[in-house]
Amino acid sequence: MSGQGSTGNVIAAVCSFFIPGLGQLVQGRLGMAIVQFVLAAALWVVLLGWLIHLWSIVDAATWKP
């Protein structure tokens, strides 16, 4: 069983909590991981990176393969 609330998604969400995009990388989604990491890094310069950071966590937690 995989999907929202599964162990894999919870681990991915925790990874994304520390580094945006890391959870997507753990799930094998390289493209989305790069997009979220680059967007978060760019937007942290203007103090809006927390938006992408939260998006990364929610996306990792709710992704269904």
Protein backbone atom coordinates (compact mmCIF):
# COMPACT_ATOMS: atom_id res chain seq x y z
CA MET A 1 0.00 0.00 0.00
CA SER A 2 1.45 3.32 -1.03
CA GLY A 3 -0.06 6.73 -1.10
CA GLN A 4 -1.02 9.39 1.39
CA GLY A 5 0.01 8.39 4.90
CA SER A 6 2.15 5.43 3.85
CA THR A 7 5.50 4.94 5.55
CA GLY A 8 7.41 5.85 2.40
CA ASN A 9 5.55 9.13 2.04
CA VAL A 10 6.04 10.00 5.70
CA ILE A 11 9.79 9.41 5.38
CA ALA A 12 9.83 11.49 2.18
CA ALA A 13 7.95 14.33 3.91
CA VAL A 14 10.45 14.30 6.79
CA CYS A 15 13.33 14.42 4.28
CA SER A 16 11.69 17.38 2.53
CA PHE A 17 11.31 19.11 5.89
CA PHE A 18 15.09 19.31 6.14
CA ILE A 19 15.95 19.93 2.48
CA PRO A 20 13.30 20.93 -0.09
CA GLY A 21 13.20 18.32 -2.85
CA LEU A 22 14.98 15.60 -0.90
CA GLY A 23 11.72 13.75 -0.31
CA GLN A 24 10.96 13.76 -4.01
CA LEU A 25 14.46 12.42 -4.65
CA VAL A 26 13.85 9.62 -2.13
CA GLN A 27 10.65 8.79 -4.05
CA GLY A 28 12.63 8.61 -7.30
CA ARG A 29 11.23 11.84 -8.79
CA LEU A 30 14.46 13.52 -9.91
CA GLY A 31 12.86 16.24 -12.07
CA MET A 32 10.50 17.47 -9.36
CA ALA A 33 13.31 17.30 -6.78
CA ILE A 34 15.51 19.58 -8.88
CA VAL A 35 12.66 22.03 -9.54
CA GLN A 36 11.72 22.33 -5.88
CA PHE A 37 15.31 22.62 -4.66
CA VAL A 38 16.21 25.33 -7.19
CA LEU A 39 12.98 27.28 -6.61
CA ALA A 40 13.40 27.14 -2.83
CA ALA A 41 17.03 28.26 -3.06
CA ALA A 42 16.16 31.13 -5.38
CA LEU A 43 13.18 32.30 -3.34
CA TRP A 44 14.98 32.11 0.01
CA VAL A 45 17.01 35.08 -1.26
CA VAL A 46 13.85 37.22 -1.01
CA LEU A 47 12.54 35.34 2.07
CA LEU A 48 9.77 33.53 0.19
CA GLY A 49 11.48 30.14 0.03
CA TRP A 50 9.28 28.88 2.86
CA LEU A 51 6.40 28.67 0.34
CA ILE A 52 8.29 26.19 -1.83
CA HIS A 53 9.59 24.43 1.27
CA LEU A 54 6.02 23.80 2.48
CA TRP A 55 4.92 22.78 -1.02
CA SER A 56 7.78 20.26 -1.10
CA ILE A 57 6.72 18.70 2.21
CA VAL A 58 3.03 18.45 1.27
CA ASP A 59 3.85 17.12 -2.21
CA ALA A 60 6.07 14.38 -0.76
CA ALA A 61 3.44 13.41 1.82
CA THR A 62 0.52 13.20 -0.61
CA TRP A 63 2.19 11.76 -3.75
CA LYS A 64 0.63 8.63 -5.22
CA PRO A 65 2.77 6.53 -7.56
